[in-house]
C-alpha cells in the first residue's frame, strides 16, 4: 500500500487515497502518509493559485500601462503633426503628456513593489486610508480621460466626514 502511494506521488498523482481499516501500527503509518499526501496536494494547489493570480496581476498592470502610453503617443503625434498650433494648446498637450507619464511611473512603481513582495524582499506595511479623499482623487483623475472619450462618469460619495484623520464608520461629525 505504501509502495503504491509512493509510486503515485512519484508520478505526480496526488488525487488518490489509501484505505486501510485496521488500527494497528501500519494503519497509523498509512494514515500519516495519506495526510502528508493531502497536505502536499493542498500546498501545490495553493502554489498554482498564487502563480495564476500573479500572472493575472502582471497582465493587468501591463494592460494598465498601455492606456497612458497610447495617450502619450497620441499627444506627441499631435505636437509633431502641428495639431497643437497655439502655445496654449501646446502647453495643454505637454501637461497631459506629463500627467500620463506620471501615471505610468506610478504603475511601474506598483509593478516594482509587487516584484519585491513576490520575491520576499519587502514586508507588508498596512496603513489607514481616508476613503473619501482616495475616491475623490480617483474620480478627478478618471473624469478627464472619460470626458475626452465622450463618456460621463458619475459618483455619489456617502462619506460625509470632513475630518482629515477620520477613518471610522462611527464618525463624530
N, C-alpha and C. Protein backbone atom coordinates (compact mmCIF):
# COMPACT_ATOMS: atom_id res chain seq x y z
N UNK A 1 0.81 -1.20 0.00
CA UNK A 1 0.00 0.00 0.00
C UNK A 1 0.85 1.26 0.00
N UNK A 2 1.80 1.32 0.90
CA UNK A 2 2.68 2.49 0.93
C UNK A 2 3.49 2.60 -0.35
N UNK A 3 3.90 1.46 -0.87
CA UNK A 3 4.65 1.45 -2.12
C UNK A 3 3.80 2.01 -3.25
N UNK A 4 2.51 1.62 -3.30
CA UNK A 4 1.58 2.14 -4.30
C UNK A 4 1.46 3.67 -4.16
N UNK A 5 1.29 4.14 -2.93
CA UNK A 5 1.16 5.58 -2.68
C UNK A 5 2.41 6.34 -3.09
N UNK A 6 3.56 5.80 -2.74
CA UNK A 6 4.82 6.45 -3.10
C UNK A 6 4.97 6.51 -4.62
N UNK A 7 4.58 5.45 -5.29
CA UNK A 7 4.65 5.40 -6.76
C UNK A 7 3.71 6.46 -7.37
N UNK A 8 2.51 6.59 -6.82
CA UNK A 8 1.56 7.59 -7.33
C UNK A 8 2.11 9.01 -7.16
N UNK A 9 2.66 9.30 -6.00
CA UNK A 9 3.23 10.63 -5.75
C UNK A 9 4.42 10.88 -6.67
N UNK A 10 5.27 9.88 -6.85
CA UNK A 10 6.42 10.00 -7.74
C UNK A 10 5.97 10.36 -9.16
N UNK A 11 4.83 9.81 -9.57
CA UNK A 11 4.29 10.07 -10.91
C UNK A 11 3.46 11.36 -10.97
N UNK A 12 3.38 12.07 -9.86
CA UNK A 12 2.67 13.35 -9.86
C UNK A 12 1.19 13.25 -9.58
N UNK A 13 0.70 12.08 -9.22
CA UNK A 13 -0.71 11.91 -8.92
C UNK A 13 -0.92 12.06 -7.42
N UNK A 14 -1.63 13.11 -7.03
CA UNK A 14 -1.94 13.31 -5.62
C UNK A 14 -3.43 13.15 -5.35
N UNK A 15 -4.18 12.73 -6.37
CA UNK A 15 -5.62 12.58 -6.24
C UNK A 15 -6.01 11.13 -5.95
N UNK A 16 -5.42 10.57 -4.95
CA UNK A 16 -5.77 9.21 -4.56
C UNK A 16 -5.82 9.17 -3.03
N UNK A 17 -6.34 8.10 -2.52
CA UNK A 17 -6.41 7.93 -1.07
C UNK A 17 -6.16 6.46 -0.77
N UNK A 18 -5.37 6.22 0.22
CA UNK A 18 -5.09 4.85 0.62
C UNK A 18 -6.07 4.48 1.74
N UNK A 19 -6.78 3.39 1.55
CA UNK A 19 -7.74 2.92 2.55
C UNK A 19 -7.13 1.74 3.29
N UNK A 20 -7.10 1.85 4.58
CA UNK A 20 -6.64 0.76 5.43
C UNK A 20 -7.42 0.88 6.73
N UNK A 21 -8.20 -0.09 7.03
CA UNK A 21 -9.15 -0.02 8.14
C UNK A 21 -8.58 -0.43 9.49
N UNK A 22 -7.54 -1.22 9.52
CA UNK A 22 -7.01 -1.70 10.80
C UNK A 22 -6.37 -0.55 11.58
N UNK A 23 -6.46 -0.65 12.88
CA UNK A 23 -5.93 0.41 13.74
C UNK A 23 -4.61 -0.03 14.37
N UNK A 24 -3.80 -0.67 13.61
CA UNK A 24 -2.51 -1.11 14.10
C UNK A 24 -1.43 -0.08 13.73
N UNK A 25 -0.17 -0.44 13.98
CA UNK A 25 0.94 0.47 13.70
C UNK A 25 1.04 0.78 12.21
N UNK A 26 0.76 -0.19 11.38
CA UNK A 26 0.79 0.01 9.93
C UNK A 26 -0.33 0.98 9.51
N UNK A 27 -1.49 0.85 10.14
CA UNK A 27 -2.61 1.75 9.86
C UNK A 27 -2.26 3.18 10.22
N UNK A 28 -1.55 3.37 11.33
CA UNK A 28 -1.11 4.71 11.74
C UNK A 28 -0.13 5.29 10.71
N UNK A 29 0.80 4.46 10.25
CA UNK A 29 1.77 4.92 9.24
C UNK A 29 1.06 5.29 7.94
N UNK A 30 0.10 4.48 7.52
CA UNK A 30 -0.65 4.77 6.29
C UNK A 30 -1.47 6.05 6.46
N UNK A 31 -2.08 6.22 7.61
CA UNK A 31 -2.87 7.42 7.87
C UNK A 31 -1.98 8.67 7.80
N UNK A 32 -0.79 8.60 8.41
CA UNK A 32 0.15 9.73 8.37
C UNK A 32 0.63 9.98 6.94
N UNK A 33 0.91 8.91 6.21
CA UNK A 33 1.34 9.03 4.82
C UNK A 33 0.25 9.72 3.99
N UNK A 34 -1.00 9.30 4.20
CA UNK A 34 -2.10 9.88 3.44
C UNK A 34 -2.32 11.34 3.80
N UNK A 35 -2.12 11.68 5.07
CA UNK A 35 -2.23 13.08 5.48
C UNK A 35 -1.13 13.93 4.83
N UNK A 36 0.09 13.39 4.74
CA UNK A 36 1.18 14.10 4.05
C UNK A 36 0.81 14.32 2.59
N UNK A 37 0.23 13.29 1.95
CA UNK A 37 -0.19 13.41 0.56
C UNK A 37 -1.22 14.52 0.40
N UNK A 38 -2.20 14.54 1.29
CA UNK A 38 -3.26 15.55 1.21
C UNK A 38 -2.68 16.96 1.42
N UNK A 39 -1.78 17.11 2.36
CA UNK A 39 -1.16 18.42 2.60
C UNK A 39 -0.30 18.86 1.43
N UNK A 40 0.42 17.93 0.85
CA UNK A 40 1.22 18.23 -0.33
C UNK A 40 0.31 18.68 -1.47
N UNK A 41 -0.81 17.99 -1.64
CA UNK A 41 -1.78 18.34 -2.67
C UNK A 41 -2.32 19.76 -2.44
N UNK A 42 -2.69 20.08 -1.20
CA UNK A 42 -3.18 21.41 -0.87
C UNK A 42 -2.12 22.47 -1.13
N UNK A 43 -0.89 22.16 -0.76
CA UNK A 43 0.21 23.11 -0.96
C UNK A 43 0.44 23.39 -2.44
N UNK A 44 0.41 22.36 -3.25
CA UNK A 44 0.60 22.53 -4.69
C UNK A 44 -0.56 23.32 -5.28
N UNK A 45 -1.79 23.03 -4.85
CA UNK A 45 -2.95 23.78 -5.35
C UNK A 45 -2.84 25.26 -4.97
N UNK A 46 -2.41 25.55 -3.74
CA UNK A 46 -2.24 26.93 -3.31
C UNK A 46 -1.16 27.63 -4.14
N UNK A 47 -0.07 26.92 -4.42
CA UNK A 47 1.02 27.49 -5.23
C UNK A 47 0.54 27.77 -6.65
N UNK A 48 -0.24 26.85 -7.22
CA UNK A 48 -0.78 27.07 -8.57
C UNK A 48 -1.72 28.27 -8.61
N UNK A 49 -2.55 28.41 -7.57
CA UNK A 49 -3.47 29.57 -7.49
C UNK A 49 -2.67 30.85 -7.36
N UNK A 50 -1.64 30.84 -6.54
CA UNK A 50 -0.78 32.01 -6.37
C UNK A 50 -0.13 32.39 -7.71
N UNK A 51 0.38 31.42 -8.43
CA UNK A 51 1.01 31.67 -9.73
C UNK A 51 0.01 32.26 -10.71
N UNK A 52 -1.20 31.73 -10.73
CA UNK A 52 -2.24 32.24 -11.63
C UNK A 52 -2.59 33.68 -11.26
N UNK A 53 -2.74 33.96 -9.97
CA UNK A 53 -3.04 35.32 -9.51
C UNK A 53 -1.91 36.28 -9.87
N UNK A 54 -0.67 35.81 -9.73
CA UNK A 54 0.49 36.64 -10.05
C UNK A 54 0.50 36.98 -11.54
N UNK A 55 0.26 35.99 -12.37
CA UNK A 55 0.22 36.23 -13.82
C UNK A 55 -0.89 37.20 -14.18
N UNK A 56 -2.04 37.04 -13.54
CA UNK A 56 -3.17 37.92 -13.81
C UNK A 56 -2.85 39.36 -13.39
N UNK A 57 -2.17 39.52 -12.26
CA UNK A 57 -1.79 40.86 -11.80
C UNK A 57 -0.81 41.51 -12.77
N UNK A 58 0.19 40.77 -13.20
CA UNK A 58 1.17 41.31 -14.14
C UNK A 58 0.49 41.67 -15.46
N UNK A 59 -0.40 40.82 -15.93
CA UNK A 59 -1.13 41.12 -17.17
C UNK A 59 -1.99 42.36 -17.01
N UNK A 60 -2.62 42.51 -15.85
CA UNK A 60 -3.43 43.70 -15.59
C UNK A 60 -2.61 44.97 -15.57
N UNK A 61 -1.46 44.92 -14.92
CA UNK A 61 -0.59 46.10 -14.88
C UNK A 61 -0.07 46.41 -16.28
N UNK A 62 0.29 45.39 -17.04
CA UNK A 62 0.74 45.61 -18.42
C UNK A 62 -0.35 46.29 -19.24
N UNK A 63 -1.58 45.82 -19.08
CA UNK A 63 -2.71 46.43 -19.78
C UNK A 63 -2.89 47.88 -19.33
N UNK A 64 -2.80 48.11 -18.02
CA UNK A 64 -2.98 49.46 -17.49
C UNK A 64 -1.88 50.41 -17.97
N UNK A 65 -0.70 49.89 -18.25
CA UNK A 65 0.39 50.73 -18.77
C UNK A 65 0.11 51.18 -20.20
N UNK A 66 -0.60 50.37 -20.95
CA UNK A 66 -0.87 50.71 -22.35
C UNK A 66 -1.74 51.95 -22.49
N UNK A 67 -2.68 52.17 -21.56
CA UNK A 67 -3.60 53.30 -21.68
C UNK A 67 -2.85 54.63 -21.66
N UNK A 68 -2.05 54.93 -20.64
CA UNK A 68 -1.33 56.21 -20.68
C UNK A 68 -0.28 56.25 -21.79
N UNK A 69 0.31 55.12 -22.10
CA UNK A 69 1.31 55.09 -23.18
C UNK A 69 0.67 55.46 -24.52
N UNK A 70 -0.51 54.93 -24.77
CA UNK A 70 -1.23 55.26 -26.01
C UNK A 70 -1.57 56.74 -26.05
N UNK A 71 -2.00 57.29 -24.91
CA UNK A 71 -2.32 58.72 -24.86
C UNK A 71 -1.08 59.56 -25.11
N UNK A 72 0.04 59.19 -24.51
CA UNK A 72 1.29 59.94 -24.72
C UNK A 72 1.66 59.92 -26.19
N UNK A 73 1.60 58.76 -26.81
CA UNK A 73 1.93 58.66 -28.23
C UNK A 73 1.01 59.54 -29.07
N UNK A 74 -0.27 59.55 -28.74
CA UNK A 74 -1.22 60.36 -29.48
C UNK A 74 -0.94 61.85 -29.36
N UNK A 75 -0.65 62.31 -28.14
CA UNK A 75 -0.37 63.74 -27.95
C UNK A 75 0.97 64.14 -28.55
N UNK A 76 1.96 63.28 -28.49
CA UNK A 76 3.24 63.58 -29.13
C UNK A 76 3.04 63.67 -30.65
N UNK A 77 2.25 62.75 -31.20
CA UNK A 77 1.97 62.81 -32.63
C UNK A 77 1.23 64.10 -32.97
N UNK A 78 0.31 64.51 -32.11
CA UNK A 78 -0.40 65.77 -32.31
C UNK A 78 0.54 66.96 -32.32
N UNK A 79 1.55 66.93 -31.45
CA UNK A 79 2.56 68.00 -31.44
C UNK A 79 3.40 67.96 -32.71
N UNK A 80 3.83 66.76 -33.09
CA UNK A 80 4.66 66.62 -34.29
C UNK A 80 3.91 67.03 -35.55
N UNK A 81 2.63 66.70 -35.62
CA UNK A 81 1.84 66.99 -36.81
C UNK A 81 1.19 68.37 -36.75
N UNK A 82 1.58 69.16 -35.78
CA UNK A 82 1.12 70.55 -35.62
C UNK A 82 -0.38 70.68 -35.37
N UNK A 83 -1.00 69.69 -34.74
CA UNK A 83 -2.39 69.84 -34.33
C UNK A 83 -2.50 70.85 -33.20
N UNK A 84 -1.47 70.88 -32.38
CA UNK A 84 -1.42 71.87 -31.30
C UNK A 84 -0.74 73.10 -31.89
N UNK A 85 -1.54 73.96 -32.51
CA UNK A 85 -0.97 75.06 -33.28
C UNK A 85 -0.94 76.39 -32.54
N UNK A 86 -1.32 76.39 -31.27
CA UNK A 86 -1.20 77.60 -30.46
C UNK A 86 -0.38 77.27 -29.22
N UNK A 87 0.28 78.26 -28.64
CA UNK A 87 1.05 77.99 -27.41
C UNK A 87 0.19 77.41 -26.29
N UNK A 88 -1.06 77.83 -26.19
CA UNK A 88 -1.95 77.31 -25.14
C UNK A 88 -2.24 75.84 -25.37
N UNK A 89 -2.53 75.49 -26.62
CA UNK A 89 -2.82 74.10 -26.95
C UNK A 89 -1.57 73.23 -26.75
N UNK A 90 -0.42 73.76 -27.14
CA UNK A 90 0.83 73.03 -26.94
C UNK A 90 1.07 72.79 -25.46
N UNK A 91 0.86 73.82 -24.65
CA UNK A 91 1.06 73.66 -23.21
C UNK A 91 0.11 72.63 -22.64
N UNK A 92 -1.13 72.63 -23.13
CA UNK A 92 -2.11 71.63 -22.68
C UNK A 92 -1.64 70.22 -23.05
N UNK A 93 -1.12 70.05 -24.25
CA UNK A 93 -0.61 68.76 -24.68
C UNK A 93 0.56 68.33 -23.80
N UNK A 94 1.46 69.26 -23.55
CA UNK A 94 2.62 68.95 -22.69
C UNK A 94 2.16 68.56 -21.28
N UNK A 95 1.18 69.27 -20.76
CA UNK A 95 0.67 68.95 -19.42
C UNK A 95 0.06 67.55 -19.38
N UNK A 96 -0.70 67.21 -20.42
CA UNK A 96 -1.33 65.89 -20.48
C UNK A 96 -0.26 64.80 -20.62
N UNK A 97 0.74 65.05 -21.46
CA UNK A 97 1.84 64.08 -21.63
C UNK A 97 2.53 63.85 -20.30
N UNK A 98 2.80 64.95 -19.59
CA UNK A 98 3.47 64.83 -18.29
C UNK A 98 2.60 64.04 -17.30
N UNK A 99 1.30 64.34 -17.28
CA UNK A 99 0.39 63.64 -16.36
C UNK A 99 0.36 62.14 -16.68
N UNK A 100 0.28 61.80 -17.97
CA UNK A 100 0.24 60.39 -18.36
C UNK A 100 1.56 59.69 -18.03
N UNK A 101 2.68 60.39 -18.20
CA UNK A 101 3.98 59.81 -17.84
C UNK A 101 4.03 59.56 -16.33
N UNK A 102 3.47 60.46 -15.55
CA UNK A 102 3.41 60.27 -14.09
C UNK A 102 2.54 59.06 -13.73
N UNK A 103 1.43 58.89 -14.46
CA UNK A 103 0.57 57.72 -14.23
C UNK A 103 1.35 56.43 -14.51
N UNK A 104 2.13 56.46 -15.59
CA UNK A 104 2.94 55.28 -15.92
C UNK A 104 3.98 55.03 -14.84
N UNK A 105 4.54 56.09 -14.32
CA UNK A 105 5.54 55.96 -13.26
C UNK A 105 4.94 55.27 -12.04
N UNK A 106 3.71 55.64 -11.70
CA UNK A 106 3.02 55.01 -10.57
C UNK A 106 2.82 53.53 -10.84
N UNK A 107 2.39 53.19 -12.05
CA UNK A 107 2.17 51.79 -12.40
C UNK A 107 3.47 50.99 -12.37
N UNK A 108 4.54 51.58 -12.86
CA UNK A 108 5.84 50.90 -12.82
C UNK A 108 6.29 50.71 -11.37
N UNK A 109 6.05 51.72 -10.53
CA UNK A 109 6.37 51.59 -9.10
C UNK A 109 5.58 50.44 -8.48
N UNK A 110 4.31 50.32 -8.85
CA UNK A 110 3.48 49.21 -8.32
C UNK A 110 4.03 47.87 -8.78
N UNK A 111 4.42 47.81 -10.05
CA UNK A 111 4.98 46.57 -10.58
C UNK A 111 6.28 46.22 -9.86
N UNK A 112 7.11 47.23 -9.61
CA UNK A 112 8.37 47.01 -8.89
C UNK A 112 8.09 46.56 -7.46
N UNK A 113 7.12 47.20 -6.81
CA UNK A 113 6.74 46.81 -5.45
C UNK A 113 6.25 45.38 -5.43
N UNK A 114 5.39 45.03 -6.38
CA UNK A 114 4.89 43.66 -6.46
C UNK A 114 6.05 42.69 -6.64
N UNK A 115 6.99 43.05 -7.49
CA UNK A 115 8.15 42.19 -7.72
C UNK A 115 8.92 41.97 -6.42
N UNK A 116 9.11 43.05 -5.65
CA UNK A 116 9.81 42.91 -4.37
C UNK A 116 9.01 42.08 -3.38
N UNK A 117 7.69 42.26 -3.37
CA UNK A 117 6.85 41.44 -2.49
C UNK A 117 6.89 39.98 -2.91
N UNK A 118 6.84 39.76 -4.22
CA UNK A 118 6.82 38.41 -4.77
C UNK A 118 8.09 37.65 -4.43
N UNK A 119 9.22 38.35 -4.41
CA UNK A 119 10.49 37.69 -4.11
C UNK A 119 10.80 37.69 -2.62
N UNK A 120 9.91 38.30 -1.83
CA UNK A 120 10.11 38.29 -0.38
C UNK A 120 11.08 39.34 0.12
N UNK A 121 11.40 40.33 -0.70
CA UNK A 121 12.37 41.34 -0.30
C UNK A 121 11.73 42.57 0.34
N UNK A 122 10.43 42.56 0.50
CA UNK A 122 9.75 43.71 1.09
C UNK A 122 8.59 43.23 1.94
N UNK A 123 8.56 43.59 3.20
CA UNK A 123 7.43 43.17 4.03
C UNK A 123 6.22 44.07 3.78
N UNK A 124 5.06 43.61 4.20
CA UNK A 124 3.83 44.39 4.09
C UNK A 124 3.78 45.39 5.23
N UNK A 125 3.40 46.62 4.89
CA UNK A 125 3.13 47.65 5.89
C UNK A 125 1.76 48.21 5.57
N UNK A 126 0.80 47.93 6.43
CA UNK A 126 -0.55 48.39 6.20
C UNK A 126 -0.73 49.77 6.81
N UNK A 127 -1.55 50.59 6.15
CA UNK A 127 -1.84 51.90 6.69
C UNK A 127 -3.29 52.24 6.43
N UNK A 128 -3.82 53.09 7.27
CA UNK A 128 -5.20 53.53 7.09
C UNK A 128 -5.25 54.53 5.95
N UNK A 129 -6.34 54.48 5.22
CA UNK A 129 -6.51 55.38 4.08
C UNK A 129 -7.84 56.09 4.24
N UNK A 130 -7.84 57.37 3.99
CA UNK A 130 -9.08 58.13 4.01
C UNK A 130 -9.79 57.85 2.68
N UNK A 131 -10.82 57.02 2.74
CA UNK A 131 -11.50 56.57 1.53
C UNK A 131 -12.12 57.72 0.74
N UNK A 132 -12.68 58.70 1.44
CA UNK A 132 -13.29 59.83 0.75
C UNK A 132 -12.26 60.54 -0.11
N UNK A 133 -11.10 60.84 0.47
CA UNK A 133 -10.05 61.52 -0.29
C UNK A 133 -9.56 60.65 -1.44
N UNK A 134 -9.40 59.36 -1.19
CA UNK A 134 -8.92 58.45 -2.22
C UNK A 134 -9.87 58.42 -3.41
N UNK A 135 -11.16 58.22 -3.15
CA UNK A 135 -12.12 58.13 -4.24
C UNK A 135 -12.34 59.47 -4.93
N UNK A 136 -12.29 60.57 -4.17
CA UNK A 136 -12.42 61.89 -4.80
C UNK A 136 -11.26 62.12 -5.76
N UNK A 137 -10.04 61.78 -5.36
CA UNK A 137 -8.87 61.95 -6.22
C UNK A 137 -8.96 61.03 -7.45
N UNK A 138 -9.36 59.80 -7.22
CA UNK A 138 -9.51 58.86 -8.33
C UNK A 138 -10.54 59.37 -9.34
N UNK A 139 -11.66 59.87 -8.85
CA UNK A 139 -12.69 60.40 -9.73
C UNK A 139 -12.16 61.58 -10.54
N UNK A 140 -11.44 62.48 -9.90
CA UNK A 140 -10.87 63.63 -10.61
C UNK A 140 -9.93 63.17 -11.73
N UNK A 141 -9.13 62.16 -11.48
CA UNK A 141 -8.20 61.67 -12.50
C UNK A 141 -8.95 61.01 -13.65
N UNK A 142 -9.97 60.24 -13.34
CA UNK A 142 -10.68 59.49 -14.36
C UNK A 142 -11.60 60.37 -15.20
N UNK A 143 -12.14 61.43 -14.61
CA UNK A 143 -13.10 62.27 -15.31
C UNK A 143 -12.52 62.83 -16.60
N UNK A 144 -11.29 63.31 -16.56
CA UNK A 144 -10.66 63.90 -17.75
C UNK A 144 -10.57 62.87 -18.87
N UNK A 145 -10.10 61.68 -18.54
CA UNK A 145 -9.97 60.63 -19.56
C UNK A 145 -11.32 60.22 -20.14
N UNK A 146 -12.32 60.06 -19.28
CA UNK A 146 -13.64 59.63 -19.74
C UNK A 146 -14.30 60.71 -20.59
N UNK A 147 -14.21 61.97 -20.15
CA UNK A 147 -14.84 63.05 -20.91
C UNK A 147 -14.20 63.20 -22.28
N UNK A 148 -12.89 63.01 -22.37
CA UNK A 148 -12.18 63.11 -23.64
C UNK A 148 -12.68 62.02 -24.59
N UNK A 149 -13.13 60.90 -24.04
CA UNK A 149 -13.66 59.80 -24.85
C UNK A 149 -15.15 59.94 -25.10
N UNK A 150 -15.74 61.05 -24.63
CA UNK A 150 -17.17 61.26 -24.83
C UNK A 150 -18.03 60.55 -23.82
N UNK A 151 -17.45 60.08 -22.76
CA UNK A 151 -18.20 59.37 -21.72
C UNK A 151 -18.35 60.25 -20.49
N UNK A 152 -19.34 59.97 -19.72
CA UNK A 152 -19.55 60.72 -18.48
C UNK A 152 -19.50 59.74 -17.32
N UNK A 153 -18.80 60.11 -16.29
CA UNK A 153 -18.70 59.26 -15.09
C UNK A 153 -19.39 59.99 -13.95
N UNK A 154 -20.18 59.25 -13.18
CA UNK A 154 -20.81 59.86 -12.02
C UNK A 154 -20.50 59.02 -10.80
N UNK A 155 -20.52 59.68 -9.67
CA UNK A 155 -20.11 59.04 -8.43
C UNK A 155 -20.81 59.74 -7.28
N UNK A 156 -21.41 58.98 -6.42
CA UNK A 156 -22.05 59.54 -5.24
C UNK A 156 -21.28 59.06 -4.02
N UNK A 157 -20.78 60.00 -3.26
CA UNK A 157 -19.99 59.67 -2.09
C UNK A 157 -20.86 59.80 -0.85
N UNK A 158 -21.04 58.69 -0.16
CA UNK A 158 -21.85 58.70 1.06
C UNK A 158 -21.01 58.98 2.30
N UNK A 159 -19.76 59.21 2.10
CA UNK A 159 -18.85 59.51 3.21
C UNK A 159 -18.88 61.02 3.44
N UNK A 160 -19.48 61.46 4.53
CA UNK A 160 -19.69 62.89 4.74
C UNK A 160 -18.66 63.52 5.68
N UNK A 161 -17.81 62.74 6.24
CA UNK A 161 -16.88 63.27 7.21
C UNK A 161 -15.86 64.19 6.54
N UNK A 162 -15.57 65.31 7.20
CA UNK A 162 -14.59 66.24 6.69
C UNK A 162 -13.35 66.28 7.59
N UNK A 163 -13.34 65.42 8.59
CA UNK A 163 -12.19 65.37 9.49
C UNK A 163 -11.03 64.68 8.77
N UNK A 164 -9.84 65.27 8.76
CA UNK A 164 -8.73 64.72 7.97
C UNK A 164 -8.28 63.33 8.40
N UNK A 165 -8.40 63.00 9.68
CA UNK A 165 -7.91 61.71 10.15
C UNK A 165 -9.03 60.75 10.54
N UNK A 166 -10.22 60.97 10.01
CA UNK A 166 -11.35 60.11 10.36
C UNK A 166 -11.42 58.94 9.40
N UNK A 167 -11.35 57.74 9.94
CA UNK A 167 -11.43 56.53 9.13
C UNK A 167 -12.55 55.62 9.62
N UNK A 168 -13.33 56.12 10.53
CA UNK A 168 -14.32 55.28 11.20
C UNK A 168 -15.72 55.47 10.62
N UNK A 169 -16.49 54.37 10.64
CA UNK A 169 -17.89 54.46 10.27
C UNK A 169 -18.68 55.21 11.34
N UNK A 170 -18.15 55.24 12.54
CA UNK A 170 -18.83 55.93 13.65
C UNK A 170 -18.23 57.32 13.82
N UNK A 171 -18.27 58.07 12.77
CA UNK A 171 -17.68 59.42 12.75
C UNK A 171 -18.42 60.33 13.71
N UNK A 172 -17.67 61.12 14.48
CA UNK A 172 -18.33 62.04 15.41
C UNK A 172 -19.00 63.20 14.71
N UNK A 173 -18.67 63.42 13.46
CA UNK A 173 -19.26 64.58 12.74
C UNK A 173 -20.64 64.29 12.24
